C-alpha atoms as a PDB file:
ATOM      1  CA  MET A   1      -1.600 -21.867 -25.494  1.00  0.00           C
ATOM      2  CA  ASP A   2      -2.238 -20.636 -21.950  1.00  0.00           C
ATOM      3  CA  LYS A   3      -1.396 -16.935 -21.792  1.00  0.00           C
ATOM      4  CA  PHE A   4       0.354 -17.510 -18.450  1.00  0.00           C
ATOM      5  CA  PRO A   5       2.270 -20.808 -18.789  1.00  0.00           C
ATOM      6  CA  ASP A   6       4.496 -19.781 -15.878  1.00  0.00           C
ATOM      7  CA  GLN A   7       2.752 -17.755 -13.183  1.00  0.00           C
ATOM      8  CA  LYS A   8       6.100 -16.796 -11.666  1.00  0.00           C
ATOM      9  CA  ARG A   9       6.669 -14.691 -14.777  1.00  0.00           C
ATOM     10  CA  ALA A  10       3.115 -13.339 -14.928  1.00  0.00           C
ATOM     11  CA  VAL A  11       4.139  -9.776 -14.095  1.00  0.00           C
ATOM     12  CA  GLN A  12       5.641  -9.416 -17.567  1.00  0.00           C
ATOM     13  CA  TYR A  13       2.140  -9.874 -18.971  1.00  0.00           C
ATOM     14  CA  LEU A  14       0.852  -6.747 -17.268  1.00  0.00           C
ATOM     15  CA  TYR A  15       0.045  -4.077 -19.809  1.00  0.00           C
ATOM     16  CA  PRO A  16       2.606  -1.320 -20.418  1.00  0.00           C
ATOM     17  CA  PRO A  17       2.544   1.738 -18.149  1.00  0.00           C
ATOM     18  CA  LEU A  18      -0.038   4.312 -19.179  1.00  0.00           C
ATOM     19  CA  ASP A  19      -0.231   8.053 -18.792  1.00  0.00           C
ATOM     20  CA  PRO A  20      -3.677   9.444 -17.969  1.00  0.00           C
ATOM     21  CA  TYR A  21      -5.386  11.557 -20.601  1.00  0.00           C
ATOM     22  CA  ASP A  22      -7.524  13.196 -17.929  1.00  0.00           C
ATOM     23  CA  ARG A  23      -6.561  14.301 -14.423  1.00  0.00           C
ATOM     24  CA  ARG A  24      -8.785  16.437 -12.256  1.00  0.00           C
ATOM     25  CA  MET A  25      -9.943  17.237  -8.755  1.00  0.00           C
ATOM     26  CA  LEU A  26     -13.642  16.581  -8.270  1.00  0.00           C
ATOM     27  CA  ALA A  27     -15.582  18.360  -5.529  1.00  0.00           C
ATOM     28  CA  VAL A  28     -17.753  15.732  -3.852  1.00  0.00           C
ATOM     29  CA  GLY A  29     -19.231  17.865  -1.081  1.00  0.00           C
ATOM     30  CA  ASP A  30     -18.657  18.191   2.672  1.00  0.00           C
ATOM     31  CA  GLY A  31     -15.435  20.090   1.997  1.00  0.00           C
ATOM     32  CA  HIS A  32     -13.810  17.139   0.214  1.00  0.00           C
ATOM     33  CA  GLU A  33     -12.176  16.989  -3.202  1.00  0.00           C
ATOM     34  CA  VAL A  34     -11.114  13.669  -4.696  1.00  0.00           C
ATOM     35  CA  TYR A  35      -8.360  13.112  -7.222  1.00  0.00           C
ATOM     36  CA  LEU A  36      -9.662  11.443 -10.408  1.00  0.00           C
ATOM     37  CA  GLU A  37      -7.847  10.188 -13.501  1.00  0.00           C
ATOM     38  CA  GLN A  38      -8.689   8.396 -16.737  1.00  0.00           C
ATOM     39  CA  CYS A  39      -6.440   6.489 -19.115  1.00  0.00           C
ATOM     40  CA  GLY A  40      -6.720   3.935 -21.904  1.00  0.00           C
ATOM     41  CA  ASN A  41      -9.377   4.162 -24.616  1.00  0.00           C
ATOM     42  CA  PRO A  42     -11.998   6.890 -24.022  1.00  0.00           C
ATOM     43  CA  ASN A  43     -14.450   4.766 -26.026  1.00  0.00           C
ATOM     44  CA  GLY A  44     -13.538   1.483 -24.381  1.00  0.00           C
ATOM     45  CA  THR A  45     -15.332  -0.589 -21.744  1.00  0.00           C
ATOM     46  CA  PRO A  46     -15.339   1.549 -18.591  1.00  0.00           C
ATOM     47  CA  VAL A  47     -13.759   0.091 -15.451  1.00  0.00           C
ATOM     48  CA  VAL A  48     -13.430   1.841 -12.109  1.00  0.00           C
ATOM     49  CA  VAL A  49     -10.632   0.791  -9.767  1.00  0.00           C
ATOM     50  CA  LEU A  50     -11.302   0.897  -6.015  1.00  0.00           C
ATOM     51  CA  HIS A  51      -8.104   0.920  -3.970  1.00  0.00           C
ATOM     52  CA  GLY A  52      -7.576  -0.691  -0.609  1.00  0.00           C
ATOM     53  CA  GLY A  53      -7.057   0.536   2.892  1.00  0.00           C
ATOM     54  CA  PRO A  54      -9.253   2.454   3.572  1.00  0.00           C
ATOM     55  CA  GLY A  55      -6.630   5.094   2.953  1.00  0.00           C
ATOM     56  CA  GLY A  56      -4.293   3.340   0.530  1.00  0.00           C
ATOM     57  CA  GLY A  57      -4.750   5.631  -2.459  1.00  0.00           C
ATOM     58  CA  CYS A  58      -4.379   4.624  -6.100  1.00  0.00           C
ATOM     59  CA  SER A  59      -1.043   4.157  -7.877  1.00  0.00           C
ATOM     60  CA  PRO A  60       0.172   4.076 -11.502  1.00  0.00           C
ATOM     61  CA  SER A  61       0.723   0.303 -11.280  1.00  0.00           C
ATOM     62  CA  MET A  62      -3.030  -0.199 -10.908  1.00  0.00           C
ATOM     63  CA  ARG A  63      -3.515   0.915 -14.522  1.00  0.00           C
ATOM     64  CA  ARG A  64      -1.611  -2.091 -15.822  1.00  0.00           C
ATOM     65  CA  TYR A  65      -4.275  -4.788 -15.384  1.00  0.00           C
ATOM     66  CA  PHE A  66      -6.314  -3.559 -18.341  1.00  0.00           C
ATOM     67  CA  ASP A  67      -5.775  -3.648 -22.096  1.00  0.00           C
ATOM     68  CA  PRO A  68      -5.438   0.094 -22.900  1.00  0.00           C
ATOM     69  CA  GLU A  69      -7.000  -0.405 -26.329  1.00  0.00           C
ATOM     70  CA  LYS A  70     -10.139  -1.988 -24.877  1.00  0.00           C
ATOM     71  CA  PHE A  71     -10.737  -0.322 -21.522  1.00  0.00           C
ATOM     72  CA  ARG A  72     -11.535   3.180 -20.314  1.00  0.00           C
ATOM     73  CA  ILE A  73      -9.740   3.021 -16.970  1.00  0.00           C
ATOM     74  CA  ILE A  74     -10.894   5.247 -14.109  1.00  0.00           C
ATOM     75  CA  LEU A  75      -8.917   5.562 -10.883  1.00  0.00           C
ATOM     76  CA  PHE A  76      -9.483   7.883  -7.953  1.00  0.00           C
ATOM     77  CA  ASP A  77      -8.181   8.490  -4.453  1.00  0.00           C
ATOM     78  CA  GLN A  78     -10.908   8.017  -1.877  1.00  0.00           C
ATOM     79  CA  ARG A  79     -11.657  10.777   0.609  1.00  0.00           C
ATOM     80  CA  GLY A  80      -8.755  11.807   2.804  1.00  0.00           C
ATOM     81  CA  CYS A  81      -5.946   9.914   1.085  1.00  0.00           C
ATOM     82  CA  GLY A  82      -3.572  10.040  -1.855  1.00  0.00           C
ATOM     83  CA  ARG A  83      -3.979  13.335  -3.661  1.00  0.00           C
ATOM     84  CA  SER A  84      -7.485  13.946  -2.339  1.00  0.00           C
ATOM     85  CA  LYS A  85      -8.098  16.810   0.058  1.00  0.00           C
ATOM     86  CA  PRO A  86      -8.196  17.433   2.978  1.00  0.00           C
ATOM     87  CA  HIS A  87      -5.439  14.931   3.672  1.00  0.00           C
ATOM     88  CA  ALA A  88      -5.937  12.324   6.424  1.00  0.00           C
ATOM     89  CA  SER A  89      -9.346  13.791   7.271  1.00  0.00           C
ATOM     90  CA  VAL A  90     -12.031  11.525   8.732  1.00  0.00           C
ATOM     91  CA  SER A  91     -14.669  14.240   8.820  1.00  0.00           C
ATOM     92  CA  ASN A  92     -17.652  13.319   6.636  1.00  0.00           C
ATOM     93  CA  ASN A  93     -15.749  10.211   5.635  1.00  0.00           C
ATOM     94  CA  THR A  94     -17.803   7.009   5.818  1.00  0.00           C
ATOM     95  CA  THR A  95     -18.556   4.057   3.571  1.00  0.00           C
ATOM     96  CA  TRP A  96     -21.743   5.746   2.437  1.00  0.00           C
ATOM     97  CA  HIS A  97     -19.926   8.939   1.522  1.00  0.00           C
ATOM     98  CA  LEU A  98     -17.598   6.822  -0.644  1.00  0.00           C
ATOM     99  CA  VAL A  99     -20.511   5.008  -2.291  1.00  0.00           C
ATOM    100  CA  ALA A 100     -22.036   8.390  -3.128  1.00  0.00           C
ATOM    101  CA  ASP A 101     -18.678   9.595  -4.486  1.00  0.00           C
ATOM    102  CA  ILE A 102     -18.442   6.592  -6.816  1.00  0.00           C
ATOM    103  CA  GLU A 103     -21.911   7.331  -8.160  1.00  0.00           C
ATOM    104  CA  LEU A 104     -21.027  10.993  -8.617  1.00  0.00           C
ATOM    105  CA  ILE A 105     -17.944   9.997 -10.600  1.00  0.00           C
ATOM    106  CA  ARG A 106     -20.011   7.681 -12.825  1.00  0.00           C
ATOM    107  CA  GLU A 107     -22.598  10.377 -13.469  1.00  0.00           C
ATOM    108  CA  THR A 108     -19.974  13.094 -14.010  1.00  0.00           C
ATOM    109  CA  LEU A 109     -18.212  10.950 -16.617  1.00  0.00           C
ATOM    110  CA  GLY A 110     -21.479  10.054 -18.351  1.00  0.00           C
ATOM    111  CA  ILE A 111     -21.099   6.303 -17.839  1.00  0.00           C
ATOM    112  CA  ASP A 112     -24.165   4.062 -17.893  1.00  0.00           C
ATOM    113  CA  ARG A 113     -22.664   0.832 -16.520  1.00  0.00           C
ATOM    114  CA  TRP A 114     -19.108  -0.092 -15.658  1.00  0.00           C
ATOM    115  CA  VAL A 115     -16.875  -2.893 -14.438  1.00  0.00           C
ATOM    116  CA  VAL A 116     -15.980  -2.483 -10.757  1.00  0.00           C
ATOM    117  CA  PHE A 117     -12.495  -3.734  -9.864  1.00  0.00           C
ATOM    118  CA  GLY A 118     -11.347  -3.722  -6.239  1.00  0.00           C
ATOM    119  CA  GLY A 119      -9.055  -5.476  -3.814  1.00  0.00           C
ATOM    120  CA  SER A 120      -8.992  -5.845  -0.032  1.00  0.00           C
ATOM    121  CA  TRP A 121     -10.977  -2.833   1.282  1.00  0.00           C
ATOM    122  CA  GLY A 122     -11.559  -2.067  -2.411  1.00  0.00           C
ATOM    123  CA  ALA A 123     -13.360  -5.419  -2.641  1.00  0.00           C
ATOM    124  CA  THR A 124     -15.466  -4.479   0.388  1.00  0.00           C
ATOM    125  CA  LEU A 125     -16.395  -1.169  -1.180  1.00  0.00           C
ATOM    126  CA  SER A 126     -17.050  -2.819  -4.559  1.00  0.00           C
ATOM    127  CA  LEU A 127     -19.544  -5.211  -2.990  1.00  0.00           C
ATOM    128  CA  ILE A 128     -21.312  -2.499  -0.991  1.00  0.00           C
ATOM    129  CA  TYR A 129     -21.472  -0.203  -4.013  1.00  0.00           C
ATOM    130  CA  ALA A 130     -22.850  -3.000  -6.207  1.00  0.00           C
ATOM    131  CA  GLN A 131     -25.428  -3.969  -3.597  1.00  0.00           C
ATOM    132  CA  THR A 132     -26.527  -0.326  -3.418  1.00  0.00           C
ATOM    133  CA  HIS A 133     -26.442   0.382  -7.180  1.00  0.00           C
ATOM    134  CA  PRO A 134     -26.698  -2.997  -8.949  1.00  0.00           C
ATOM    135  CA  ALA A 135     -27.998  -1.478 -12.198  1.00  0.00           C
ATOM    136  CA  ALA A 136     -24.754   0.478 -12.591  1.00  0.00           C
ATOM    137  CA  VAL A 137     -22.464  -2.576 -12.443  1.00  0.00           C
ATOM    138  CA  SER A 138     -21.809  -4.855 -15.422  1.00  0.00           C
ATOM    139  CA  HIS A 139     -19.133  -7.046 -13.764  1.00  0.00           C
ATOM    140  CA  LEU A 140     -17.314  -7.301 -10.452  1.00  0.00           C
ATOM    141  CA  VAL A 141     -13.657  -8.323 -10.251  1.00  0.00           C
ATOM    142  CA  LEU A 142     -12.492  -8.736  -6.667  1.00  0.00           C
ATOM    143  CA  ARG A 143      -9.173  -9.601  -5.041  1.00  0.00           C
ATOM    144  CA  GLY A 144      -8.406 -10.518  -1.431  1.00  0.00           C
ATOM    145  CA  VAL A 145     -11.974 -10.298  -0.158  1.00  0.00           C
ATOM    146  CA  PHE A 146     -12.677  -8.474   3.098  1.00  0.00           C
ATOM    147  CA  LEU A 147     -16.281  -8.419   4.360  1.00  0.00           C
ATOM    148  CA  MET A 148     -15.822  -5.888   7.174  1.00  0.00           C
ATOM    149  CA  THR A 149     -16.865  -8.318   9.918  1.00  0.00           C
ATOM    150  CA  GLN A 150     -15.812  -8.421  13.533  1.00  0.00           C
ATOM    151  CA  SER A 151     -14.317 -11.890  13.100  1.00  0.00           C
ATOM    152  CA  GLU A 152     -11.988 -10.569  10.373  1.00  0.00           C
ATOM    153  CA  LEU A 153     -10.893  -7.668  12.580  1.00  0.00           C
ATOM    154  CA  ASP A 154     -10.361 -10.065  15.489  1.00  0.00           C
ATOM    155  CA  TRP A 155      -8.191 -12.237  13.254  1.00  0.00           C
ATOM    156  CA  PHE A 156      -5.883  -9.424  12.239  1.00  0.00           C
ATOM    157  CA  TYR A 157      -5.953  -7.153  15.291  1.00  0.00           C
ATOM    158  CA  GLY A 158      -6.763  -9.690  18.002  1.00  0.00           C
ATOM    159  CA  GLY A 159      -3.838 -12.056  17.660  1.00  0.00           C
ATOM    160  CA  GLY A 160      -4.959 -14.555  15.018  1.00  0.00           C
ATOM    161  CA  ALA A 161      -2.483 -13.557  12.334  1.00  0.00           C
ATOM    162  CA  GLY A 162       0.003 -12.870  15.107  1.00  0.00           C
ATOM    163  CA  LYS A 163       0.210 -16.591  15.839  1.00  0.00           C
ATOM    164  CA  PHE A 164       1.896 -17.013  12.461  1.00  0.00           C
ATOM    165  CA  TRP A 165       4.057 -13.888  12.832  1.00  0.00           C
ATOM    166  CA  PRO A 166       4.771 -13.653  16.582  1.00  0.00           C
ATOM    167  CA  GLU A 167       7.893 -11.504  16.208  1.00  0.00           C
ATOM    168  CA  VAL A 168       6.067  -8.946  14.034  1.00  0.00           C
ATOM    169  CA  TRP A 169       2.984  -9.034  16.267  1.00  0.00           C
ATOM    170  CA  SER A 170       5.195  -8.387  19.264  1.00  0.00           C
ATOM    171  CA  ARG A 171       6.525  -5.194  17.658  1.00  0.00           C
ATOM    172  CA  PHE A 172       2.973  -4.058  16.847  1.00  0.00           C
ATOM    173  CA  THR A 173       1.673  -4.697  20.367  1.00  0.00           C
ATOM    174  CA  ALA A 174       4.720  -3.494  22.301  1.00  0.00           C
ATOM    175  CA  LEU A 175       3.773   0.165  21.799  1.00  0.00           C
ATOM    176  CA  VAL A 176       0.518  -0.300  23.728  1.00  0.00           C
ATOM    177  CA  PRO A 177       0.420  -0.243  27.545  1.00  0.00           C
ATOM    178  CA  GLU A 178      -0.471  -3.622  29.045  1.00  0.00           C
ATOM    179  CA  ASP A 179      -3.763  -2.397  30.500  1.00  0.00           C
ATOM    180  CA  GLU A 180      -4.983  -1.447  26.969  1.00  0.00           C
ATOM    181  CA  ARG A 181      -4.071  -4.656  25.189  1.00  0.00           C
ATOM    182  CA  GLY A 182      -7.602  -6.042  25.202  1.00  0.00           C
ATOM    183  CA  ASP A 183      -8.472  -3.842  22.215  1.00  0.00           C
ATOM    184  CA  TYR A 184      -5.623  -2.781  19.951  1.00  0.00           C
ATOM    185  CA  ILE A 185      -7.859  -0.935  17.503  1.00  0.00           C
ATOM    186  CA  GLN A 186      -9.106   1.277  20.312  1.00  0.00           C
ATOM    187  CA  ALA A 187      -5.641   1.692  21.813  1.00  0.00           C
ATOM    188  CA  TYR A 188      -4.172   2.794  18.496  1.00  0.00           C
ATOM    189  CA  HIS A 189      -7.189   5.046  17.932  1.00  0.00           C
ATOM    190  CA  ARG A 190      -6.316   7.082  21.029  1.00  0.00           C
ATOM    191  CA  ARG A 191      -2.837   7.799  19.648  1.00  0.00           C
ATOM    192  CA  LEU A 192      -3.730   8.194  15.981  1.00  0.00           C
ATOM    193  CA  PHE A 193      -6.251  10.876  16.896  1.00  0.00           C
ATOM    194  CA  SER A 194      -4.283  12.585  19.647  1.00  0.00           C
ATOM    195  CA  ASP A 195      -3.233  16.232  19.424  1.00  0.00           C
ATOM    196  CA  ASP A 196       0.423  15.207  19.188  1.00  0.00           C
ATOM    197  CA  LEU A 197       1.443  14.928  15.515  1.00  0.00           C
ATOM    198  CA  SER A 198       4.661  13.066  16.306  1.00  0.00           C
ATOM    199  CA  LEU A 199       2.699  10.514  18.359  1.00  0.00           C
ATOM    200  CA  GLN A 200       0.186  10.143  15.538  1.00  0.00           C
ATOM    201  CA  THR A 201       2.978   9.496  13.054  1.00  0.00           C
ATOM    202  CA  ARG A 202       4.788   7.012  15.290  1.00  0.00           C
ATOM    203  CA  PHE A 203       1.671   4.890  15.752  1.00  0.00           C
ATOM    204  CA  ALA A 204       0.646   5.339  12.132  1.00  0.00           C
ATOM    205  CA  ARG A 205       3.933   3.856  10.965  1.00  0.00           C
ATOM    206  CA  ALA A 206       3.539   0.915  13.333  1.00  0.00           C
ATOM    207  CA  TRP A 207      -0.066   0.326  12.218  1.00  0.00           C
ATOM    208  CA  SER A 208       0.882   0.468   8.531  1.00  0.00           C
ATOM    209  CA  GLY A 209       4.013  -1.591   9.093  1.00  0.00           C
ATOM    210  CA  TRP A 210       2.088  -4.456  10.685  1.00  0.00           C
ATOM    211  CA  GLU A 211      -0.138  -4.758   7.631  1.00  0.00           C
ATOM    212  CA  ASN A 212       2.617  -4.259   5.065  1.00  0.00           C
ATOM    213  CA  ALA A 213       4.765  -6.922   6.708  1.00  0.00           C
ATOM    214  CA  LEU A 214       2.128  -9.576   6.091  1.00  0.00           C
ATOM    215  CA  ALA A 215       1.011  -8.596   2.594  1.00  0.00           C
ATOM    216  CA  SER A 216       3.254 -10.846   0.514  1.00  0.00           C
ATOM    217  CA  ILE A 217       3.760 -14.572   0.789  1.00  0.00           C
ATOM    218  CA  HIS A 218       7.461 -13.860   0.311  1.00  0.00           C
ATOM    219  CA  SER A 219       7.619 -11.470   3.262  1.00  0.00           C
ATOM    220  CA  ALA A 220      10.472 -11.789   5.728  1.00  0.00           C
ATOM    221  CA  GLY A 221       8.407  -9.925   8.323  1.00  0.00           C
ATOM    222  CA  GLN A 222      10.000  -6.525   7.909  1.00  0.00           C
ATOM    223  CA  MET A 223       7.811  -3.670   9.119  1.00  0.00           C
ATOM    224  CA  ILE A 224       8.808  -1.252   6.380  1.00  0.00           C
ATOM    225  CA  GLU A 225       8.110   2.325   7.388  1.00  0.00           C
ATOM    226  CA  GLY A 226       6.837   4.436   4.515  1.00  0.00           C
ATOM    227  CA  PRO A 227       6.628   8.226   4.405  1.00  0.00           C
ATOM    228  CA  GLY A 228       5.039   9.639   7.534  1.00  0.00           C
ATOM    229  CA  GLU A 229       2.261  11.506   5.745  1.00  0.00           C
ATOM    230  CA  TYR A 230       1.223   8.420   3.768  1.00  0.00           C
ATOM    231  CA  ALA A 231       1.264   6.246   6.883  1.00  0.00           C
ATOM    232  CA  ARG A 232      -0.724   8.835   8.827  1.00  0.00           C
ATOM    233  CA  ALA A 233      -3.532   8.969   6.252  1.00  0.00           C
ATOM    234  CA  PHE A 234      -3.569   5.202   5.827  1.00  0.00           C
ATOM    235  CA  ALA A 235      -3.617   4.409   9.539  1.00  0.00           C
ATOM    236  CA  ARG A 236      -6.078   7.114  10.582  1.00  0.00           C
ATOM    237  CA  LEU A 237      -8.579   6.259   7.865  1.00  0.00           C
ATOM    238  CA  GLU A 238      -8.293   2.512   8.328  1.00  0.00           C
ATOM    239  CA  ASN A 239      -8.634   2.786  12.087  1.00  0.00           C
ATOM    240  CA  HIS A 240     -11.561   5.209  11.733  1.00  0.00           C
ATOM    241  CA  TYR A 241     -13.436   2.756   9.526  1.00  0.00           C
ATOM    242  CA  PHE A 242     -12.605  -0.287  11.629  1.00  0.00           C
ATOM    243  CA  ILE A 243     -13.550   1.266  14.958  1.00  0.00           C
ATOM    244  CA  ASN A 244     -16.909   2.118  13.364  1.00  0.00           C
ATOM    245  CA  ALA A 245     -17.382  -1.383  11.895  1.00  0.00           C
ATOM    246  CA  GLY A 246     -17.289   0.008   8.374  1.00  0.00           C
ATOM    247  CA  PHE A 247     -20.395   2.087   9.103  1.00  0.00           C
ATOM    248  CA  LEU A 248     -22.538  -0.929   8.233  1.00  0.00           C
ATOM    249  CA  GLU A 249     -25.914  -1.465   9.836  1.00  0.00           C
ATOM    250  CA  TYR A 250     -24.986  -4.837  11.341  1.00  0.00           C
ATOM    251  CA  ASP A 251     -22.208  -7.405  11.411  1.00  0.00           C
ATOM    252  CA  GLY A 252     -22.393  -9.708   8.403  1.00  0.00           C
ATOM    253  CA  GLN A 253     -24.402  -7.263   6.285  1.00  0.00           C
ATOM    254  CA  ILE A 254     -22.451  -7.756   3.048  1.00  0.00           C
ATOM    255  CA  LEU A 255     -22.795 -11.537   3.025  1.00  0.00           C
ATOM    256  CA  ASP A 256     -26.431 -11.262   4.063  1.00  0.00           C
ATOM    257  CA  GLN A 257     -27.237  -8.996   1.093  1.00  0.00           C
ATOM    258  CA  MET A 258     -25.487 -10.950  -1.656  1.00  0.00           C
ATOM    259  CA  ASP A 259     -28.882 -11.693  -3.226  1.00  0.00           C
ATOM    260  CA  ARG A 260     -28.904  -8.063  -4.426  1.00  0.00           C
ATOM    261  CA  ILE A 261     -26.077  -8.834  -6.876  1.00  0.00           C
ATOM    262  CA  ALA A 262     -27.041 -12.398  -7.780  1.00  0.00           C
ATOM    263  CA  ASP A 263     -27.344 -11.482 -11.471  1.00  0.00           C
ATOM    264  CA  ILE A 264     -24.016  -9.629 -11.744  1.00  0.00           C
ATOM    265  CA  PRO A 265     -21.153 -11.744 -13.146  1.00  0.00           C
ATOM    266  CA  GLY A 266     -18.075 -11.766 -10.947  1.00  0.00           C
ATOM    267  CA  VAL A 267     -14.565 -13.111 -10.564  1.00  0.00           C
ATOM    268  CA  ILE A 268     -12.959 -13.505  -7.142  1.00  0.00           C
ATOM    269  CA  VAL A 269      -9.168 -13.833  -7.054  1.00  0.00           C
ATOM    270  CA  GLN A 270      -7.943 -14.978  -3.665  1.00  0.00           C
ATOM    271  CA  GLY A 271      -4.492 -15.885  -2.367  1.00  0.00           C
ATOM    272  CA  ARG A 272      -4.567 -19.226  -0.603  1.00  0.00           C
ATOM    273  CA  TYR A 273      -2.190 -17.967   2.092  1.00  0.00           C
ATOM    274  CA  ASP A 274      -3.585 -14.470   2.526  1.00  0.00           C
ATOM    275  CA  MET A 275      -2.756 -13.508   6.113  1.00  0.00           C
ATOM    276  CA  ILE A 276      -4.619 -10.196   6.025  1.00  0.00           C
ATOM    277  CA  CYS A 277      -7.886 -11.349   4.449  1.00  0.00           C
ATOM    278  CA  PRO A 278      -8.082 -15.136   4.901  1.00  0.00           C
ATOM    279  CA  PRO A 279      -9.819 -17.153   2.130  1.00  0.00           C
ATOM    280  CA  THR A 280     -12.888 -17.967   4.221  1.00  0.00           C
ATOM    281  CA  SER A 281     -14.553 -14.678   3.226  1.00  0.00           C
ATOM    282  CA  ALA A 282     -13.987 -15.210  -0.504  1.00  0.00           C
ATOM    283  CA  TYR A 283     -15.302 -18.754  -0.188  1.00  0.00           C
ATOM    284  CA  ALA A 284     -18.368 -17.591   1.745  1.00  0.00           C
ATOM    285  CA  ILE A 285     -19.514 -15.105  -0.895  1.00  0.00           C
ATOM    286  CA  ALA A 286     -18.730 -17.498  -3.755  1.00  0.00           C
ATOM    287  CA  LYS A 287     -21.080 -20.073  -2.217  1.00  0.00           C
ATOM    288  CA  VAL A 288     -24.055 -17.676  -2.356  1.00  0.00           C
ATOM    289  CA  TRP A 289     -23.195 -15.831  -5.571  1.00  0.00           C
ATOM    290  CA  PRO A 290     -24.482 -17.852  -8.544  1.00  0.00           C
ATOM    291  CA  LYS A 291     -22.571 -15.932 -11.219  1.00  0.00           C
ATOM    292  CA  ALA A 292     -19.231 -15.736  -9.419  1.00  0.00           C
ATOM    293  CA  GLU A 293     -16.100 -17.653 -10.291  1.00  0.00           C
ATOM    294  CA  LEU A 294     -13.634 -18.196  -7.447  1.00  0.00           C
ATOM    295  CA  LYS A 295      -9.959 -18.408  -8.386  1.00  0.00           C
ATOM    296  CA  MET A 296      -7.968 -19.617  -5.385  1.00  0.00           C
ATOM    297  CA  VAL A 297      -4.324 -18.884  -6.170  1.00  0.00           C
ATOM    298  CA  ARG A 298      -1.863 -21.286  -4.607  1.00  0.00           C
ATOM    299  CA  ASN A 299       1.444 -19.952  -3.308  1.00  0.00           C
ATOM    300  CA  ALA A 300       0.010 -16.444  -3.022  1.00  0.00           C
ATOM    301  CA  GLY A 301      -0.786 -14.059  -0.207  1.00  0.00           C
ATOM    302  CA  HIS A 302      -2.595 -10.747  -0.192  1.00  0.00           C
ATOM    303  CA  ALA A 303      -0.590  -8.390  -2.381  1.00  0.00           C
ATOM    304  CA  LEU A 304      -1.998  -7.188  -5.695  1.00  0.00           C
ATOM    305  CA  SER A 305       1.479  -7.443  -7.227  1.00  0.00           C
ATOM    306  CA  GLU A 306       2.032 -11.146  -6.528  1.00  0.00           C
ATOM    307  CA  PRO A 307       2.556 -12.984  -9.837  1.00  0.00           C
ATOM    308  CA  GLY A 308      -0.246 -15.500  -9.435  1.00  0.00           C
ATOM    309  CA  ILE A 309      -2.695 -12.790  -8.381  1.00  0.00           C
ATOM    310  CA  SER A 310      -1.652 -10.534 -11.271  1.00  0.00           C
ATOM    311  CA  ALA A 311      -2.016 -13.375 -13.762  1.00  0.00           C
ATOM    312  CA  GLU A 312      -5.579 -14.174 -12.727  1.00  0.00           C
ATOM    313  CA  LEU A 313      -6.673 -10.535 -12.645  1.00  0.00           C
ATOM    314  CA  VAL A 314      -5.330  -9.812 -16.125  1.00  0.00           C
ATOM    315  CA  ARG A 315      -6.908 -13.020 -17.402  1.00  0.00           C
ATOM    316  CA  ALA A 316     -10.268 -12.029 -15.871  1.00  0.00           C
ATOM    317  CA  MET A 317     -10.198  -8.588 -17.478  1.00  0.00           C
ATOM    318  CA  ASP A 318      -9.172  -9.993 -20.862  1.00  0.00           C
ATOM    319  CA  ARG A 319     -12.232 -12.244 -20.757  1.00  0.00           C
ATOM    320  CA  ILE A 320     -14.520  -9.298 -20.064  1.00  0.00           C
ATOM    321  CA  ALA A 321     -13.260  -7.359 -23.097  1.00  0.00           C
ATOM    322  CA  PRO A 322     -11.750 -10.038 -25.406  1.00  0.00           C
END
């Protein structure tokens, strides 16, 4: 019988909450320390979880996609966010620093090859890491693919998604003076990196709220304001990466270099109605990735927690370590 006969109830099939058996701060250089944890079976199949954002941080719920008897589950907070230090710092914080951090974690933990599991920005980072270190990756499991292209940024910060959510878009854009509305990423950048902490926090909450409002297919468009410090790290890091085009060498680099991971098996789980990372990116990489399986989830958006998304991710991981 299908393990998930009713995807609306798929969340109940997530594995029980786990407590880490290892928590530590790892010095990665440049004045940064990243929070690292391990849970599950120390002798199981290693899997590293790459959170979204940039700046989202990892959470206990991310441990629940893996059978704790079969997987050695590694989570960490990327530079500048979550429990990593210094908080909200963009100094020495680029894609290539994060790729180096992932390798340092693998080497520190004595892991030869591991499964790389990432969603949204975590999918971006998973692909870049795998393209840089293909020998270290046994499988890729991706959700809500983002390829760090200008067209994707234009969609979300240039009014594309706003055509579906005009009332939410209006709240996001209203904070910006009319003469700066040609480039909202740049306009927000000026405030997020001002010397005024209250101004930073105000714009950080608006930046985070715009994204959070569109994450779930069941959203009513509420721009929920989280804690100021979380929003500040999330918004500053995300904006920092986006204004620098992900620190890639050229637009379209990830798709152009998919041949580097042609031999790595992968699963792509994509919400059909993902407003943040539209399905075109997932479809594009699936077309040029011979060993990838694309799972387009109907009635789903972007959020990791959506039942259909959860069902497919758990199913994918159970196939890797049956």
